[in-house]
C-alpha atoms as a PDB file:
ATOM      1  CA  MET A   1     215.609 108.411 165.763  1.00  0.00           C
ATOM      2  CA  SER A   2     212.657 110.707 165.083  1.00  0.00           C
ATOM      3  CA  ASP A   3     209.136 109.372 164.661  1.00  0.00           C
ATOM      4  CA  GLY A   4     208.366 111.651 161.688  1.00  0.00           C
ATOM      5  CA  TYR A   5     208.641 108.722 159.282  1.00  0.00           C
ATOM      6  CA  SER A   6     207.006 106.053 161.429  1.00  0.00           C
ATOM      7  CA  ALA A   7     203.972 105.577 159.146  1.00  0.00           C
ATOM      8  CA  LEU A   8     206.213 105.308 156.084  1.00  0.00           C
ATOM      9  CA  ARG A   9     208.438 102.772 157.844  1.00  0.00           C
ATOM     10  CA  GLU A  10     205.392 100.725 158.875  1.00  0.00           C
ATOM     11  CA  GLU A  11     204.120 100.674 155.293  1.00  0.00           C
ATOM     12  CA  ALA A  12     207.467  99.540 153.911  1.00  0.00           C
ATOM     13  CA  TRP A  13     207.932  96.989 156.709  1.00  0.00           C
ATOM     14  CA  ALA A  14     204.505  95.422 156.042  1.00  0.00           C
ATOM     15  CA  ALA A  15     205.289  95.170 152.338  1.00  0.00           C
ATOM     16  CA  ASN A  16     208.648  93.520 152.982  1.00  0.00           C
ATOM     17  CA  MET A  17     207.060  91.033 155.357  1.00  0.00           C
ATOM     18  CA  ALA A  18     204.481  90.234 152.658  1.00  0.00           C
ATOM     19  CA  ILE A  19     207.347  89.314 150.307  1.00  0.00           C
ATOM     20  CA  SER A  20     208.354  86.621 152.770  1.00  0.00           C
ATOM     21  CA  GLU A  21     204.785  85.565 153.585  1.00  0.00           C
ATOM     22  CA  HIS A  22     203.991  85.020 149.898  1.00  0.00           C
ATOM     23  CA  ALA A  23     207.273  83.132 149.347  1.00  0.00           C
ATOM     24  CA  LEU A  24     208.424  85.630 146.725  1.00  0.00           C
ATOM     25  CA  ALA A  25     211.973  85.457 148.090  1.00  0.00           C
ATOM     26  CA  ILE A  26     213.988  83.365 150.523  1.00  0.00           C
ATOM     27  CA  LEU A  27     216.882  84.110 152.875  1.00  0.00           C
ATOM     28  CA  THR A  28     217.700  87.834 152.566  1.00  0.00           C
ATOM     29  CA  TRP A  29     216.691  88.168 148.901  1.00  0.00           C
ATOM     30  CA  GLY A  30     214.305  90.847 147.676  1.00  0.00           C
ATOM     31  CA  ASN A  31     213.172  94.216 148.969  1.00  0.00           C
ATOM     32  CA  ALA A  32     210.267  96.638 148.968  1.00  0.00           C
ATOM     33  CA  SER A  33     210.067 100.385 149.456  1.00  0.00           C
ATOM     34  CA  ALA A  34     207.380 102.992 150.133  1.00  0.00           C
ATOM     35  CA  LEU A  35     207.513 106.595 148.893  1.00  0.00           C
ATOM     36  CA  ASP A  36     206.215 109.753 150.553  1.00  0.00           C
ATOM     37  CA  PRO A  37     206.157 112.124 147.556  1.00  0.00           C
ATOM     38  CA  ALA A  38     205.309 115.173 149.667  1.00  0.00           C
ATOM     39  CA  ALA A  39     208.362 114.660 151.866  1.00  0.00           C
ATOM     40  CA  GLY A  40     210.512 113.523 148.951  1.00  0.00           C
ATOM     41  CA  VAL A  41     211.733 110.398 150.754  1.00  0.00           C
ATOM     42  CA  PHE A  42     211.190 106.635 150.677  1.00  0.00           C
ATOM     43  CA  ALA A  43     211.636 103.862 153.228  1.00  0.00           C
ATOM     44  CA  ILE A  44     213.452 100.739 152.075  1.00  0.00           C
ATOM     45  CA  LYS A  45     214.641  97.425 153.508  1.00  0.00           C
ATOM     46  CA  PRO A  46     218.217  97.371 154.858  1.00  0.00           C
ATOM     47  CA  SER A  47     220.778  95.457 152.845  1.00  0.00           C
ATOM     48  CA  GLY A  48     221.204  91.780 153.697  1.00  0.00           C
ATOM     49  CA  LEU A  49     218.823  91.719 156.658  1.00  0.00           C
ATOM     50  CA  ASP A  50     216.857  88.503 157.158  1.00  0.00           C
ATOM     51  CA  TYR A  51     213.074  88.921 157.090  1.00  0.00           C
ATOM     52  CA  GLY A  52     212.842  87.256 160.490  1.00  0.00           C
ATOM     53  CA  GLU A  53     214.957  90.049 161.967  1.00  0.00           C
ATOM     54  CA  LEU A  54     213.218  92.912 160.185  1.00  0.00           C
ATOM     55  CA  LYS A  55     211.422  95.495 162.332  1.00  0.00           C
ATOM     56  CA  PRO A  56     209.817  98.811 161.321  1.00  0.00           C
ATOM     57  CA  GLU A  57     212.576 100.777 163.022  1.00  0.00           C
ATOM     58  CA  ASN A  58     215.182  99.023 160.841  1.00  0.00           C
ATOM     59  CA  LEU A  59     213.825 100.539 157.634  1.00  0.00           C
ATOM     60  CA  VAL A  60     216.121 103.159 156.113  1.00  0.00           C
ATOM     61  CA  ILE A  61     214.834 106.548 154.952  1.00  0.00           C
ATOM     62  CA  VAL A  62     216.405 107.785 151.705  1.00  0.00           C
ATOM     63  CA  ASP A  63     215.721 111.016 149.818  1.00  0.00           C
ATOM     64  CA  LEU A  64     215.284 111.357 146.054  1.00  0.00           C
ATOM     65  CA  ASP A  65     218.919 112.375 145.655  1.00  0.00           C
ATOM     66  CA  GLY A  66     219.954 109.024 147.122  1.00  0.00           C
ATOM     67  CA  LYS A  67     221.082 110.400 150.466  1.00  0.00           C
ATOM     68  CA  VAL A  68     220.294 108.479 153.668  1.00  0.00           C
ATOM     69  CA  VAL A  69     218.118 110.798 155.749  1.00  0.00           C
ATOM     70  CA  GLU A  70     217.565 108.509 158.687  1.00  0.00           C
ATOM     71  CA  GLY A  71     218.548 104.988 159.705  1.00  0.00           C
ATOM     72  CA  ARG A  72     221.419 103.148 161.330  1.00  0.00           C
ATOM     73  CA  LEU A  73     221.779 100.419 158.696  1.00  0.00           C
ATOM     74  CA  ARG A  74     222.843 100.480 155.067  1.00  0.00           C
ATOM     75  CA  PRO A  75     219.884 100.582 152.662  1.00  0.00           C
ATOM     76  CA  SER A  76     219.258  97.808 150.139  1.00  0.00           C
ATOM     77  CA  SER A  77     221.868  97.388 147.433  1.00  0.00           C
ATOM     78  CA  ASP A  78     218.987  97.952 144.975  1.00  0.00           C
ATOM     79  CA  THR A  79     218.217 101.416 146.391  1.00  0.00           C
ATOM     80  CA  LYS A  80     219.432 103.263 143.301  1.00  0.00           C
ATOM     81  CA  THR A  81     217.153 101.150 141.093  1.00  0.00           C
ATOM     82  CA  HIS A  82     214.173 102.129 143.254  1.00  0.00           C
ATOM     83  CA  LEU A  83     215.324 105.758 143.123  1.00  0.00           C
ATOM     84  CA  VAL A  84     215.482 105.812 139.311  1.00  0.00           C
ATOM     85  CA  LEU A  85     211.982 104.310 139.067  1.00  0.00           C
ATOM     86  CA  TYR A  86     210.480 106.779 141.550  1.00  0.00           C
ATOM     87  CA  ARG A  87     211.976 109.664 139.622  1.00  0.00           C
ATOM     88  CA  GLY A  88     211.010 108.242 136.224  1.00  0.00           C
ATOM     89  CA  PHE A  89     207.510 106.843 136.757  1.00  0.00           C
ATOM     90  CA  GLY A  90     204.986 109.428 137.916  1.00  0.00           C
ATOM     91  CA  GLY A  91     202.229 108.224 140.217  1.00  0.00           C
ATOM     92  CA  ILE A  92     203.961 105.247 141.789  1.00  0.00           C
ATOM     93  CA  ARG A  93     204.386 105.103 145.565  1.00  0.00           C
ATOM     94  CA  GLY A  94     205.726 101.606 146.116  1.00  0.00           C
ATOM     95  CA  ILE A  95     208.247  99.240 144.518  1.00  0.00           C
ATOM     96  CA  CYS A  96     208.904  95.542 145.071  1.00  0.00           C
ATOM     97  CA  HIS A  97     211.865  93.521 143.859  1.00  0.00           C
ATOM     98  CA  SER A  98     211.519  89.780 144.333  1.00  0.00           C
ATOM     99  CA  HIS A  99     213.281  86.618 143.237  1.00  0.00           C
ATOM    100  CA  SER A 100     210.220  84.426 142.723  1.00  0.00           C
ATOM    101  CA  THR A 101     211.038  81.206 140.907  1.00  0.00           C
ATOM    102  CA  HIS A 102     208.913  81.292 137.751  1.00  0.00           C
ATOM    103  CA  ALA A 103     209.353  85.016 137.089  1.00  0.00           C
ATOM    104  CA  VAL A 104     213.122  84.605 137.464  1.00  0.00           C
ATOM    105  CA  ALA A 105     213.007  81.671 135.030  1.00  0.00           C
ATOM    106  CA  TRP A 106     211.552  83.965 132.351  1.00  0.00           C
ATOM    107  CA  ALA A 107     214.160  86.609 133.214  1.00  0.00           C
ATOM    108  CA  GLN A 108     216.948  84.066 132.863  1.00  0.00           C
ATOM    109  CA  ALA A 109     215.465  82.933 129.543  1.00  0.00           C
ATOM    110  CA  ARG A 110     215.439  86.640 128.557  1.00  0.00           C
ATOM    111  CA  ARG A 111     211.896  86.402 127.245  1.00  0.00           C
ATOM    112  CA  PRO A 112     208.855  88.623 127.821  1.00  0.00           C
ATOM    113  CA  ILE A 113     205.846  86.837 129.279  1.00  0.00           C
ATOM    114  CA  PRO A 114     203.070  86.754 126.667  1.00  0.00           C
ATOM    115  CA  CYS A 115     199.474  87.418 127.679  1.00  0.00           C
ATOM    116  CA  LEU A 116     197.934  84.022 127.017  1.00  0.00           C
ATOM    117  CA  GLY A 117     194.744  84.309 129.082  1.00  0.00           C
ATOM    118  CA  THR A 118     192.381  86.475 131.041  1.00  0.00           C
ATOM    119  CA  THR A 119     194.108  85.912 134.394  1.00  0.00           C
ATOM    120  CA  HIS A 120     197.111  87.719 132.971  1.00  0.00           C
ATOM    121  CA  ALA A 121     194.937  90.407 131.315  1.00  0.00           C
ATOM    122  CA  ASP A 122     193.287  91.162 134.662  1.00  0.00           C
ATOM    123  CA  GLN A 123     196.703  92.290 135.924  1.00  0.00           C
ATOM    124  CA  THR A 124     198.422  93.988 132.974  1.00  0.00           C
ATOM    125  CA  ALA A 125     197.401  95.498 129.666  1.00  0.00           C
ATOM    126  CA  GLY A 126     199.601  93.183 127.604  1.00  0.00           C
ATOM    127  CA  GLU A 127     202.773  91.142 127.739  1.00  0.00           C
ATOM    128  CA  ILE A 128     205.141  91.586 130.655  1.00  0.00           C
ATOM    129  CA  PRO A 129     208.258  93.046 129.073  1.00  0.00           C
ATOM    130  CA  CYS A 130     211.767  91.753 129.566  1.00  0.00           C
ATOM    131  CA  THR A 131     214.636  94.216 129.407  1.00  0.00           C
ATOM    132  CA  ASP A 132     217.729  93.809 127.326  1.00  0.00           C
ATOM    133  CA  MET A 133     220.798  92.487 129.126  1.00  0.00           C
ATOM    134  CA  ILE A 134     222.600  95.292 130.922  1.00  0.00           C
ATOM    135  CA  SER A 135     225.680  96.495 129.062  1.00  0.00           C
ATOM    136  CA  ILE A 136     229.234  96.195 130.350  1.00  0.00           C
ATOM    137  CA  GLU A 137     229.497  99.992 130.367  1.00  0.00           C
ATOM    138  CA  ALA A 138     226.321 100.473 132.455  1.00  0.00           C
ATOM    139  CA  LEU A 139     227.354  97.702 134.850  1.00  0.00           C
ATOM    140  CA  GLU A 140     230.816  99.160 135.403  1.00  0.00           C
ATOM    141  CA  THR A 141     229.532 102.746 135.742  1.00  0.00           C
ATOM    142  CA  ASP A 142     226.772 102.048 138.274  1.00  0.00           C
ATOM    143  CA  TYR A 143     225.082  98.660 138.138  1.00  0.00           C
ATOM    144  CA  GLU A 144     221.979  99.461 140.202  1.00  0.00           C
ATOM    145  CA  GLN A 145     221.380 102.857 138.608  1.00  0.00           C
ATOM    146  CA  GLY A 146     221.960 101.286 135.203  1.00  0.00           C
ATOM    147  CA  THR A 147     219.351  98.645 136.000  1.00  0.00           C
ATOM    148  CA  GLY A 148     216.792 101.349 136.735  1.00  0.00           C
ATOM    149  CA  GLU A 149     217.673 103.223 133.547  1.00  0.00           C
ATOM    150  CA  LEU A 150     217.357  99.967 131.597  1.00  0.00           C
ATOM    151  CA  ILE A 151     213.817  99.537 132.938  1.00  0.00           C
ATOM    152  CA  LEU A 152     212.935 103.116 131.976  1.00  0.00           C
ATOM    153  CA  ARG A 153     214.162 102.537 128.410  1.00  0.00           C
ATOM    154  CA  THR A 154     212.123  99.338 128.221  1.00  0.00           C
ATOM    155  CA  PHE A 155     209.022 101.360 129.132  1.00  0.00           C
ATOM    156  CA  GLU A 156     209.451 104.057 126.505  1.00  0.00           C
ATOM    157  CA  GLY A 157     206.045 104.211 124.799  1.00  0.00           C
ATOM    158  CA  ARG A 158     204.415 102.149 127.560  1.00  0.00           C
ATOM    159  CA  LYS A 159     202.243 103.245 130.478  1.00  0.00           C
ATOM    160  CA  PRO A 160     203.881 101.998 133.695  1.00  0.00           C
ATOM    161  CA  LEU A 161     200.601 101.914 135.628  1.00  0.00           C
ATOM    162  CA  GLU A 162     198.950  99.784 132.918  1.00  0.00           C
ATOM    163  CA  THR A 163     201.839  97.314 133.022  1.00  0.00           C
ATOM    164  CA  PRO A 164     203.154  97.672 136.588  1.00  0.00           C
ATOM    165  CA  MET A 165     205.809  95.008 136.248  1.00  0.00           C
ATOM    166  CA  VAL A 166     208.945  94.059 134.351  1.00  0.00           C
ATOM    167  CA  ILE A 167     211.487  91.267 134.330  1.00  0.00           C
ATOM    168  CA  VAL A 168     215.130  92.311 134.106  1.00  0.00           C
ATOM    169  CA  ALA A 169     217.100  90.009 131.826  1.00  0.00           C
ATOM    170  CA  GLY A 170     219.241  87.566 133.763  1.00  0.00           C
ATOM    171  CA  HIS A 171     218.105  89.071 137.056  1.00  0.00           C
ATOM    172  CA  GLY A 172     214.453  89.041 138.094  1.00  0.00           C
ATOM    173  CA  PRO A 173     211.217  90.978 138.534  1.00  0.00           C
ATOM    174  CA  PHE A 174     210.459  94.503 139.660  1.00  0.00           C
ATOM    175  CA  THR A 175     206.873  95.613 140.272  1.00  0.00           C
ATOM    176  CA  TRP A 176     205.357  98.902 141.386  1.00  0.00           C
ATOM    177  CA  GLY A 177     202.049 100.437 142.381  1.00  0.00           C
ATOM    178  CA  ARG A 178     200.228 103.260 144.097  1.00  0.00           C
ATOM    179  CA  SER A 179     201.386 101.849 147.442  1.00  0.00           C
ATOM    180  CA  ALA A 180     204.076  99.487 148.647  1.00  0.00           C
ATOM    181  CA  MET A 181     201.532  96.751 149.299  1.00  0.00           C
ATOM    182  CA  GLU A 182     200.068  97.142 145.814  1.00  0.00           C
ATOM    183  CA  ALA A 183     203.572  96.656 144.431  1.00  0.00           C
ATOM    184  CA  VAL A 184     203.774  93.362 146.353  1.00  0.00           C
ATOM    185  CA  HIS A 185     200.295  92.421 145.087  1.00  0.00           C
ATOM    186  CA  TYR A 186     201.628  92.755 141.543  1.00  0.00           C
ATOM    187  CA  ALA A 187     204.702  90.702 142.429  1.00  0.00           C
ATOM    188  CA  VAL A 188     202.390  87.890 143.598  1.00  0.00           C
ATOM    189  CA  ALA A 189     200.336  88.199 140.410  1.00  0.00           C
ATOM    190  CA  LEU A 190     203.460  88.248 138.235  1.00  0.00           C
ATOM    191  CA  GLU A 191     204.755  85.033 139.766  1.00  0.00           C
ATOM    192  CA  GLU A 192     201.436  83.274 139.173  1.00  0.00           C
ATOM    193  CA  VAL A 193     201.009  84.390 135.546  1.00  0.00           C
ATOM    194  CA  ALA A 194     204.666  83.474 134.897  1.00  0.00           C
ATOM    195  CA  ARG A 195     203.909  79.975 136.177  1.00  0.00           C
ATOM    196  CA  MET A 196     200.687  79.741 134.152  1.00  0.00           C
ATOM    197  CA  ALA A 197     202.428  80.871 130.968  1.00  0.00           C
ATOM    198  CA  LEU A 198     205.173  78.297 131.430  1.00  0.00           C
ATOM    199  CA  LEU A 199     202.616  75.511 131.931  1.00  0.00           C
ATOM    200  CA  THR A 200     200.556  76.689 128.955  1.00  0.00           C
ATOM    201  CA  LEU A 201     203.557  76.583 126.642  1.00  0.00           C
ATOM    202  CA  GLN A 202     204.430  73.125 127.915  1.00  0.00           C
ATOM    203  CA  VAL A 203     200.927  71.926 127.024  1.00  0.00           C
ATOM    204  CA  ASN A 204     200.936  73.761 123.697  1.00  0.00           C
ATOM    205  CA  PRO A 205     204.211  75.335 122.526  1.00  0.00           C
ATOM    206  CA  ASP A 206     202.247  77.095 119.774  1.00  0.00           C
ATOM    207  CA  ALA A 207     199.720  78.755 122.105  1.00  0.00           C
ATOM    208  CA  GLU A 208     198.781  82.184 120.772  1.00  0.00           C
ATOM    209  CA  PRO A 209     198.396  85.385 122.780  1.00  0.00           C
ATOM    210  CA  LEU A 210     194.921  86.330 123.966  1.00  0.00           C
ATOM    211  CA  PRO A 211     193.051  88.299 121.275  1.00  0.00           C
ATOM    212  CA  GLN A 212     193.381  92.029 121.812  1.00  0.00           C
ATOM    213  CA  HIS A 213     189.642  92.646 122.226  1.00  0.00           C
ATOM    214  CA  VAL A 214     189.443  90.105 125.070  1.00  0.00           C
ATOM    215  CA  LEU A 215     192.649  91.399 126.657  1.00  0.00           C
ATOM    216  CA  ARG A 216     191.407  94.997 126.705  1.00  0.00           C
ATOM    217  CA  LYS A 217     187.984  93.973 128.037  1.00  0.00           C
ATOM    218  CA  HIS A 218     189.492  92.199 131.011  1.00  0.00           C
ATOM    219  CA  TRP A 219     191.949  94.960 131.806  1.00  0.00           C
ATOM    220  CA  GLU A 220     189.385  97.757 131.387  1.00  0.00           C
ATOM    221  CA  ARG A 221     186.671  96.116 133.483  1.00  0.00           C
ATOM    222  CA  LYS A 222     189.109  95.947 136.383  1.00  0.00           C
ATOM    223  CA  HIS A 223     191.265  99.058 135.903  1.00  0.00           C
ATOM    224  CA  GLY A 224     189.683 101.298 133.268  1.00  0.00           C
ATOM    225  CA  ALA A 225     187.703 104.523 133.654  1.00  0.00           C
ATOM    226  CA  ASN A 226     184.439 102.570 133.774  1.00  0.00           C
ATOM    227  CA  ALA A 227     185.714  99.597 135.793  1.00  0.00           C
ATOM    228  CA  TYR A 228     183.019  97.510 137.420  1.00  0.00           C
ATOM    229  CA  TYR A 229     185.012  94.716 139.065  1.00  0.00           C
ATOM    230  CA  GLY A 230     184.842  94.626 142.860  1.00  0.00           C
ATOM    231  CA  GLN A 231     183.037  96.955 145.228  1.00  0.00           C
ATOM    232  CA  ALA A 232     182.743 100.720 144.896  1.00  0.00           C
END
């Protein structure tokens, strides 16, 4: 095995280990990948490998045509979903797919997560969309590719870096970012706002979304052109 992709493997490995560390998935569930756009390849978790057994050298290198470039193990069964998102969303360099409990609950309910407060608005510029249920035709043609295409359709008219997360109906969350670790960061945030939204609607089933002027203020001060949250 060459060492030409060692940094990319390390990045993807660290992101996958963070999935486990943040309890976003148990057993062998979930996966993260890291893209090198210059080389046209991404590193992704092997299929069915327990996090306790995962090492940087286990990560599989896949090109943007879906061909395994390097690696002894089979890549994640969700590889084609990652591939579709990398090809469809410009500017992203990392993807995380988790099975965190509260986000999956919303996915199973087939409901978008409304932006009810500023904690949510700090992370996304509005509700977290939920896809439609995948069709029989898409499932039978290519389930994982169809899942990616379903996400792309859901984001028509949306900016994927303003809302770097989605819940796939009946399935679970996918998040993305400018790095693999940022994608995991958004997976952690998604799980927490999913939990907060559920609790809020239990307290008040008629809770209304955050007013748009407050939502935009919180998103812009953290992510906008004139953001002033954090350190320069």
